[in-house]
Structures are given as structure tokens and as C-alpha cells.
């Protein structure tokens, strides 16, 4: 669920949606979502002063409260 959410949001932001890769690493009470994009799209995902990255993380955290898990988004 969270993986698909991050993938949909990231693909909407970048110029190369086919190079978006999302990996989910699950732990006991938390998850780490690794988002990889093309190097030329990195700025679009992070945004000015990290605003888009922060907004992406906020949306994912809000959706994760439903599942009572702590979710972290890492942009690699």
C-alpha cells in the first residue's frame, strides 16, 4: 500500500517515470521505503529547500498511521 503510494506520487513528479524504483524494507514496527529516481530527476523529487520531499514524507506518515507503523521515506 505505502509502496504504491510513493511510486504513484514520484512518477507524477519526474520526467522519467520509467526510471522510478521503490523498495520496501519491513521491520517489526517500522518500514523503510527507498525511492530511487534518475539523477536528473533528483531535484524534482526533493524540491526547493526539500519542500517536496518533506510533503511526500508527511503524506506517507499520515497514511501509515492507519496501519500503526512508523514509515520512513529515503530518497536515494
PDB file of N, CA and C in Angstrom:
ATOM      1  N   UNK A   1       0.818  -1.201   0.000  1.00  0.00           N
ATOM      2  CA  UNK A   1       0.000   0.000   0.000  1.00  0.00           C
ATOM      3  C   UNK A   1       0.859   1.262   0.000  1.00  0.00           C
ATOM      4  N   UNK A   2       1.765   1.372   0.965  1.00  0.00           N
ATOM      5  CA  UNK A   2       2.631   2.559   1.050  1.00  0.00           C
ATOM      6  C   UNK A   2       3.571   2.631  -0.150  1.00  0.00           C
ATOM      7  N   UNK A   3       4.052   1.470  -0.568  1.00  0.00           N
ATOM      8  CA  UNK A   3       4.971   1.410  -1.716  1.00  0.00           C
ATOM      9  C   UNK A   3       4.298   1.976  -2.963  1.00  0.00           C
ATOM     10  N   UNK A   4       3.058   1.573  -3.197  1.00  0.00           N
ATOM     11  CA  UNK A   4       2.331   2.049  -4.367  1.00  0.00           C
ATOM     12  C   UNK A   4       2.066   3.549  -4.286  1.00  0.00           C
ATOM     13  N   UNK A   5       1.758   4.029  -3.091  1.00  0.00           N
ATOM     14  CA  UNK A   5       1.509   5.458  -2.899  1.00  0.00           C
ATOM     15  C   UNK A   5       2.739   6.281  -3.270  1.00  0.00           C
ATOM     16  N   UNK A   6       3.905   5.887  -2.766  1.00  0.00           N
ATOM     17  CA  UNK A   6       5.147   6.600  -3.072  1.00  0.00           C
ATOM     18  C   UNK A   6       5.454   6.520  -4.558  1.00  0.00           C
ATOM     19  N   UNK A   7       5.233   5.358  -5.146  1.00  0.00           N
ATOM     20  CA  UNK A   7       5.517   5.182  -6.571  1.00  0.00           C
ATOM     21  C   UNK A   7       4.644   6.083  -7.438  1.00  0.00           C
ATOM     22  N   UNK A   8       3.362   6.150  -7.132  1.00  0.00           N
ATOM     23  CA  UNK A   8       2.435   6.990  -7.900  1.00  0.00           C
ATOM     24  C   UNK A   8       2.810   8.464  -7.777  1.00  0.00           C
ATOM     25  N   UNK A   9       3.098   8.909  -6.556  1.00  0.00           N
ATOM     26  CA  UNK A   9       3.456  10.309  -6.337  1.00  0.00           C
ATOM     27  C   UNK A   9       4.767  10.655  -7.030  1.00  0.00           C
ATOM     28  N   UNK A  10       5.760   9.778  -6.932  1.00  0.00           N
ATOM     29  CA  UNK A  10       7.066  10.047  -7.543  1.00  0.00           C
ATOM     30  C   UNK A  10       6.967  10.080  -9.064  1.00  0.00           C
ATOM     31  N   UNK A  11       6.221   9.157  -9.640  1.00  0.00           N
ATOM     32  CA  UNK A  11       6.093   9.120 -11.102  1.00  0.00           C
ATOM     33  C   UNK A  11       5.397  10.364 -11.638  1.00  0.00           C
ATOM     34  N   UNK A  12       4.521  10.955 -10.835  1.00  0.00           N
ATOM     35  CA  UNK A  12       3.835  12.177 -11.255  1.00  0.00           C
ATOM     36  C   UNK A  12       4.785  13.380 -11.249  1.00  0.00           C
ATOM     37  N   UNK A  13       5.845  13.312 -10.467  1.00  0.00           N
ATOM     38  CA  UNK A  13       6.758  14.448 -10.321  1.00  0.00           C
ATOM     39  C   UNK A  13       7.894  14.473 -11.340  1.00  0.00           C
ATOM     40  N   UNK A  14       8.347  13.318 -11.795  1.00  0.00           N
ATOM     41  CA  UNK A  14       9.580  13.238 -12.582  1.00  0.00           C
ATOM     42  C   UNK A  14       9.338  13.246 -14.088  1.00  0.00           C
ATOM     43  N   UNK A  15      10.425  13.476 -14.839  1.00  0.00           N
ATOM     44  CA  UNK A  15      10.367  13.439 -16.301  1.00  0.00           C
ATOM     45  C   UNK A  15      10.543  12.020 -16.837  1.00  0.00           C
ATOM     46  N   UNK A  16      11.212  11.157 -16.055  1.00  0.00           N
ATOM     47  CA  UNK A  16      11.464   9.769 -16.470  1.00  0.00           C
ATOM     48  C   UNK A  16      10.754   8.800 -15.522  1.00  0.00           C
ATOM     49  N   UNK A  17       9.435   8.648 -15.641  1.00  0.00           N
ATOM     50  CA  UNK A  17       8.706   7.783 -14.705  1.00  0.00           C
ATOM     51  C   UNK A  17       9.109   6.315 -14.796  1.00  0.00           C
ATOM     52  N   UNK A  18       9.665   5.898 -15.943  1.00  0.00           N
ATOM     53  CA  UNK A  18      10.084   4.505 -16.087  1.00  0.00           C
ATOM     54  C   UNK A  18      11.340   4.191 -15.265  1.00  0.00           C
ATOM     55  N   UNK A  19      12.063   5.217 -14.804  1.00  0.00           N
ATOM     56  CA  UNK A  19      13.275   5.009 -14.006  1.00  0.00           C
ATOM     57  C   UNK A  19      13.029   5.164 -12.508  1.00  0.00           C
ATOM     58  N   UNK A  20      11.756   5.263 -12.113  1.00  0.00           N
ATOM     59  CA  UNK A  20      11.406   5.330 -10.687  1.00  0.00           C
ATOM     60  C   UNK A  20      11.383   3.919 -10.125  1.00  0.00           C
ATOM     61  N   UNK A  21      12.085   3.730  -9.015  1.00  0.00           N
ATOM     62  CA  UNK A  21      12.138   2.419  -8.373  1.00  0.00           C
ATOM     63  C   UNK A  21      11.847   2.595  -6.884  1.00  0.00           C
ATOM     64  N   UNK A  22      10.935   1.792  -6.354  1.00  0.00           N
ATOM     65  CA  UNK A  22      10.560   1.876  -4.949  1.00  0.00           C
ATOM     66  C   UNK A  22      10.786   0.511  -4.308  1.00  0.00           C
ATOM     67  N   UNK A  23      11.530   0.499  -3.201  1.00  0.00           N
ATOM     68  CA  UNK A  23      11.814  -0.737  -2.484  1.00  0.00           C
ATOM     69  C   UNK A  23      11.319  -0.604  -1.050  1.00  0.00           C
ATOM     70  N   UNK A  24      10.652  -1.621  -0.553  1.00  0.00           N
ATOM     71  CA  UNK A  24      10.111  -1.604   0.801  1.00  0.00           C
ATOM     72  C   UNK A  24      10.908  -2.551   1.679  1.00  0.00           C
ATOM     73  N   UNK A  25      11.480  -2.022   2.776  1.00  0.00           N
ATOM     74  CA  UNK A  25      12.221  -2.829   3.729  1.00  0.00           C
ATOM     75  C   UNK A  25      11.412  -2.837   5.028  1.00  0.00           C
ATOM     76  N   UNK A  26      10.852  -3.999   5.368  1.00  0.00           N
ATOM     77  CA  UNK A  26       9.991  -4.090   6.550  1.00  0.00           C
ATOM     78  C   UNK A  26      10.767  -4.559   7.766  1.00  0.00           C
ATOM     79  N   UNK A  27      10.442  -3.963   8.898  1.00  0.00           N
ATOM     80  CA  UNK A  27      10.978  -4.377  10.186  1.00  0.00           C
ATOM     81  C   UNK A  27       9.795  -4.658  11.093  1.00  0.00           C
ATOM     82  N   UNK A  28      10.029  -4.913  12.381  1.00  0.00           N
ATOM     83  CA  UNK A  28       8.925  -5.273  13.265  1.00  0.00           C
ATOM     84  C   UNK A  28       7.825  -4.226  13.311  1.00  0.00           C
ATOM     85  N   UNK A  29       8.162  -3.026  13.767  1.00  0.00           N
ATOM     86  CA  UNK A  29       7.141  -1.984  13.911  1.00  0.00           C
ATOM     87  C   UNK A  29       7.367  -0.803  12.981  1.00  0.00           C
ATOM     88  N   UNK A  30       8.267  -0.962  12.031  1.00  0.00           N
ATOM     89  CA  UNK A  30       8.534   0.146  11.129  1.00  0.00           C
ATOM     90  C   UNK A  30       8.849  -0.363   9.721  1.00  0.00           C
ATOM     91  N   UNK A  31       8.794   0.547   8.785  1.00  0.00           N
ATOM     92  CA  UNK A  31       9.117   0.251   7.388  1.00  0.00           C
ATOM     93  C   UNK A  31      10.011   1.367   6.857  1.00  0.00           C
ATOM     94  N   UNK A  32      10.908   1.006   5.969  1.00  0.00           N
ATOM     95  CA  UNK A  32      11.716   1.997   5.264  1.00  0.00           C
ATOM     96  C   UNK A  32      11.389   1.857   3.788  1.00  0.00           C
ATOM     97  N   UNK A  33      10.977   2.959   3.191  1.00  0.00           N
ATOM     98  CA  UNK A  33      10.679   2.967   1.765  1.00  0.00           C
ATOM     99  C   UNK A  33      11.821   3.683   1.063  1.00  0.00           C
ATOM    100  N   UNK A  34      12.528   2.951   0.201  1.00  0.00           N
ATOM    101  CA  UNK A  34      13.653   3.518  -0.539  1.00  0.00           C
ATOM    102  C   UNK A  34      13.169   3.933  -1.922  1.00  0.00           C
ATOM    103  N   UNK A  35      13.312   5.203  -2.221  1.00  0.00           N
ATOM    104  CA  UNK A  35      12.878   5.750  -3.506  1.00  0.00           C
ATOM    105  C   UNK A  35      14.110   6.097  -4.333  1.00  0.00           C
ATOM    106  N   UNK A  36      14.194   5.508  -5.511  1.00  0.00           N
ATOM    107  CA  UNK A  36      15.305   5.803  -6.423  1.00  0.00           C
ATOM    108  C   UNK A  36      14.719   6.417  -7.700  1.00  0.00           C
ATOM    109  N   UNK A  37      15.351   7.506  -8.136  1.00  0.00           N
ATOM    110  CA  UNK A  37      14.947   8.162  -9.380  1.00  0.00           C
ATOM    111  C   UNK A  37      16.191   8.432 -10.205  1.00  0.00           C
ATOM    112  N   UNK A  38      15.993   8.815 -11.446  1.00  0.00           N
ATOM    113  CA  UNK A  38      17.118   9.172 -12.313  1.00  0.00           C
ATOM    114  C   UNK A  38      17.836  10.388 -11.717  1.00  0.00           C
ATOM    115  N   UNK A  39      19.152  10.455 -11.862  1.00  0.00           N
ATOM    116  CA  UNK A  39      19.907  11.587 -11.283  1.00  0.00           C
ATOM    117  C   UNK A  39      19.387  12.961 -11.713  1.00  0.00           C
ATOM    118  N   UNK A  40      18.939  13.061 -12.961  1.00  0.00           N
ATOM    119  CA  UNK A  40      18.437  14.357 -13.437  1.00  0.00           C
ATOM    120  C   UNK A  40      17.073  14.715 -12.846  1.00  0.00           C
ATOM    121  N   UNK A  41      16.375  13.745 -12.262  1.00  0.00           N
ATOM    122  CA  UNK A  41      15.079  13.998 -11.635  1.00  0.00           C
ATOM    123  C   UNK A  41      15.171  14.193 -10.118  1.00  0.00           C
ATOM    124  N   UNK A  42      16.358  14.060  -9.570  1.00  0.00           N
ATOM    125  CA  UNK A  42      16.528  14.143  -8.117  1.00  0.00           C
ATOM    126  C   UNK A  42      16.034  15.487  -7.571  1.00  0.00           C
ATOM    127  N   UNK A  43      16.324  16.562  -8.263  1.00  0.00           N
ATOM    128  CA  UNK A  43      15.890  17.885  -7.823  1.00  0.00           C
ATOM    129  C   UNK A  43      14.381  18.049  -7.810  1.00  0.00           C
ATOM    130  N   UNK A  44      13.715  17.395  -8.746  1.00  0.00           N
ATOM    131  CA  UNK A  44      12.249  17.494  -8.798  1.00  0.00           C
ATOM    132  C   UNK A  44      11.593  16.771  -7.640  1.00  0.00           C
ATOM    133  N   UNK A  45      12.209  15.679  -7.189  1.00  0.00           N
ATOM    134  CA  UNK A  45      11.643  14.916  -6.079  1.00  0.00           C
ATOM    135  C   UNK A  45      11.941  15.595  -4.747  1.00  0.00           C
ATOM    136  N   UNK A  46      13.099  16.226  -4.644  1.00  0.00           N
ATOM    137  CA  UNK A  46      13.472  16.892  -3.391  1.00  0.00           C
ATOM    138  C   UNK A  46      12.833  18.274  -3.297  1.00  0.00           C
ATOM    139  N   UNK A  47      12.863  19.041  -4.364  1.00  0.00           N
ATOM    140  CA  UNK A  47      12.244  20.362  -4.378  1.00  0.00           C
ATOM    141  C   UNK A  47      13.118  21.420  -3.721  1.00  0.00           C
ATOM    142  N   UNK A  48      12.669  22.652  -3.801  1.00  0.00           N
ATOM    143  CA  UNK A  48      13.410  23.763  -3.202  1.00  0.00           C
ATOM    144  C   UNK A  48      13.402  23.617  -1.690  1.00  0.00           C
ATOM    145  N   UNK A  49      14.586  23.627  -1.112  1.00  0.00           N
ATOM    146  CA  UNK A  49      14.774  23.501   0.337  1.00  0.00           C
ATOM    147  C   UNK A  49      14.101  22.244   0.891  1.00  0.00           C
ATOM    148  N   UNK A  50      13.936  21.212   0.049  1.00  0.00           N
ATOM    149  CA  UNK A  50      13.389  19.941   0.497  1.00  0.00           C
ATOM    150  C   UNK A  50      11.895  19.934   0.731  1.00  0.00           C
ATOM    151  N   UNK A  51      11.195  20.903   0.172  1.00  0.00           N
ATOM    152  CA  UNK A  51       9.754  21.016   0.429  1.00  0.00           C
ATOM    153  C   UNK A  51       8.954  19.847  -0.128  1.00  0.00           C
ATOM    154  N   UNK A  52       9.262  19.415  -1.339  1.00  0.00           N
ATOM    155  CA  UNK A  52       8.502  18.312  -1.939  1.00  0.00           C
ATOM    156  C   UNK A  52       8.808  17.010  -1.202  1.00  0.00           C
ATOM    157  N   UNK A  53      10.065  16.786  -0.860  1.00  0.00           N
ATOM    158  CA  UNK A  53      10.436  15.583  -0.102  1.00  0.00           C
ATOM    159  C   UNK A  53       9.732  15.569   1.251  1.00  0.00           C
ATOM    160  N   UNK A  54       9.674  16.705   1.907  1.00  0.00           N
ATOM    161  CA  UNK A  54       9.006  16.807   3.210  1.00  0.00           C
ATOM    162  C   UNK A  54       7.508  16.538   3.065  1.00  0.00           C
ATOM    163  N   UNK A  55       6.901  17.065   2.014  1.00  0.00           N
ATOM    164  CA  UNK A  55       5.471  16.847   1.774  1.00  0.00           C
ATOM    165  C   UNK A  55       5.192  15.371   1.473  1.00  0.00           C
ATOM    166  N   UNK A  56       6.065  14.747   0.694  1.00  0.00           N
ATOM    167  CA  UNK A  56       5.930  13.326   0.384  1.00  0.00           C
ATOM    168  C   UNK A  56       6.001  12.487   1.658  1.00  0.00           C
ATOM    169  N   UNK A  57       6.954  12.802   2.516  1.00  0.00           N
ATOM    170  CA  UNK A  57       7.096  12.078   3.783  1.00  0.00           C
ATOM    171  C   UNK A  57       5.879  12.292   4.684  1.00  0.00           C
ATOM    172  N   UNK A  58       5.326  13.497   4.694  1.00  0.00           N
ATOM    173  CA  UNK A  58       4.155  13.799   5.517  1.00  0.00           C
ATOM    174  C   UNK A  58       2.942  13.001   5.056  1.00  0.00           C
ATOM    175  N   UNK A  59       2.741  12.918   3.753  1.00  0.00           N
ATOM    176  CA  UNK A  59       1.609  12.157   3.212  1.00  0.00           C
ATOM    177  C   UNK A  59       1.744  10.678   3.564  1.00  0.00           C
ATOM    178  N   UNK A  60       2.951  10.138   3.424  1.00  0.00           N
ATOM    179  CA  UNK A  60       3.173   8.721   3.729  1.00  0.00           C
ATOM    180  C   UNK A  60       2.989   8.447   5.215  1.00  0.00           C
ATOM    181  N   UNK A  61       3.483   9.334   6.072  1.00  0.00           N
ATOM    182  CA  UNK A  61       3.310   9.150   7.520  1.00  0.00           C
ATOM    183  C   UNK A  61       1.838   9.195   7.906  1.00  0.00           C
ATOM    184  N   UNK A  62       1.093  10.089   7.287  1.00  0.00           N
ATOM    185  CA  UNK A  62      -0.340  10.187   7.576  1.00  0.00           C
ATOM    186  C   UNK A  62      -1.062   8.906   7.152  1.00  0.00           C
ATOM    187  N   UNK A  63      -0.694   8.367   6.005  1.00  0.00           N
ATOM    188  CA  UNK A  63      -1.318   7.127   5.540  1.00  0.00           C
ATOM    189  C   UNK A  63      -0.887   5.942   6.405  1.00  0.00           C
ATOM    190  N   UNK A  64       0.320   5.990   6.959  1.00  0.00           N
ATOM    191  CA  UNK A  64       0.848   4.876   7.763  1.00  0.00           C
ATOM    192  C   UNK A  64       0.207   4.793   9.139  1.00  0.00           C
ATOM    193  N   UNK A  65      -0.363   5.883   9.630  1.00  0.00           N
ATOM    194  CA  UNK A  65      -0.996   5.837  10.948  1.00  0.00           C
ATOM    195  C   UNK A  65      -2.163   4.861  10.961  1.00  0.00           C
ATOM    196  N   UNK A  66      -2.776   4.652   9.814  1.00  0.00           N
ATOM    197  CA  UNK A  66      -3.875   3.692   9.693  1.00  0.00           C
ATOM    198  C   UNK A  66      -3.402   2.270  10.015  1.00  0.00           C
ATOM    199  N   UNK A  67      -2.142   1.970   9.675  1.00  0.00           N
ATOM    200  CA  UNK A  67      -1.588   0.636   9.889  1.00  0.00           C
ATOM    201  C   UNK A  67      -0.758   0.534  11.170  1.00  0.00           C
ATOM    202  N   UNK A  68      -0.707   1.632  11.929  1.00  0.00           N
ATOM    203  CA  UNK A  68       0.043   1.681  13.186  1.00  0.00           C
ATOM    204  C   UNK A  68       1.490   1.249  13.018  1.00  0.00           C
ATOM    205  N   UNK A  69       2.120   1.763  11.940  1.00  0.00           N
ATOM    206  CA  UNK A  69       3.526   1.506  11.691  1.00  0.00           C
ATOM    207  C   UNK A  69       4.240   2.822  11.469  1.00  0.00           C
ATOM    208  N   UNK A  70       5.508   2.853  11.810  1.00  0.00           N
ATOM    209  CA  UNK A  70       6.329   4.026  11.542  1.00  0.00           C
ATOM    210  C   UNK A  70       6.972   3.812  10.178  1.00  0.00           C
ATOM    211  N   UNK A  71       6.760   4.749   9.289  1.00  0.00           N
ATOM    212  CA  UNK A  71       7.274   4.638   7.935  1.00  0.00           C
ATOM    213  C   UNK A  71       8.253   5.773   7.659  1.00  0.00           C
ATOM    214  N   UNK A  72       9.392   5.424   7.119  1.00  0.00           N
ATOM    215  CA  UNK A  72      10.416   6.405   6.759  1.00  0.00           C
ATOM    216  C   UNK A  72      10.628   6.326   5.250  1.00  0.00           C
ATOM    217  N   UNK A  73      10.702   7.483   4.601  1.00  0.00           N
ATOM    218  CA  UNK A  73      10.970   7.526   3.161  1.00  0.00           C
ATOM    219  C   UNK A  73      12.390   8.035   2.966  1.00  0.00           C
ATOM    220  N   UNK A  74      13.205   7.246   2.282  1.00  0.00           N
ATOM    221  CA  UNK A  74      14.583   7.640   1.955  1.00  0.00           C
ATOM    222  C   UNK A  74      14.690   7.822   0.459  1.00  0.00           C
ATOM    223  N   UNK A  75      15.191   8.977   0.051  1.00  0.00           N
ATOM    224  CA  UNK A  75      15.385   9.249  -1.374  1.00  0.00           C
ATOM    225  C   UNK A  75      16.852   8.977  -1.682  1.00  0.00           C
ATOM    226  N   UNK A  76      17.077   7.972  -2.528  1.00  0.00           N
ATOM    227  CA  UNK A  76      18.445   7.535  -2.809  1.00  0.00           C
ATOM    228  C   UNK A  76      18.820   7.919  -4.228  1.00  0.00           C
TER     229      UNK A  76
END
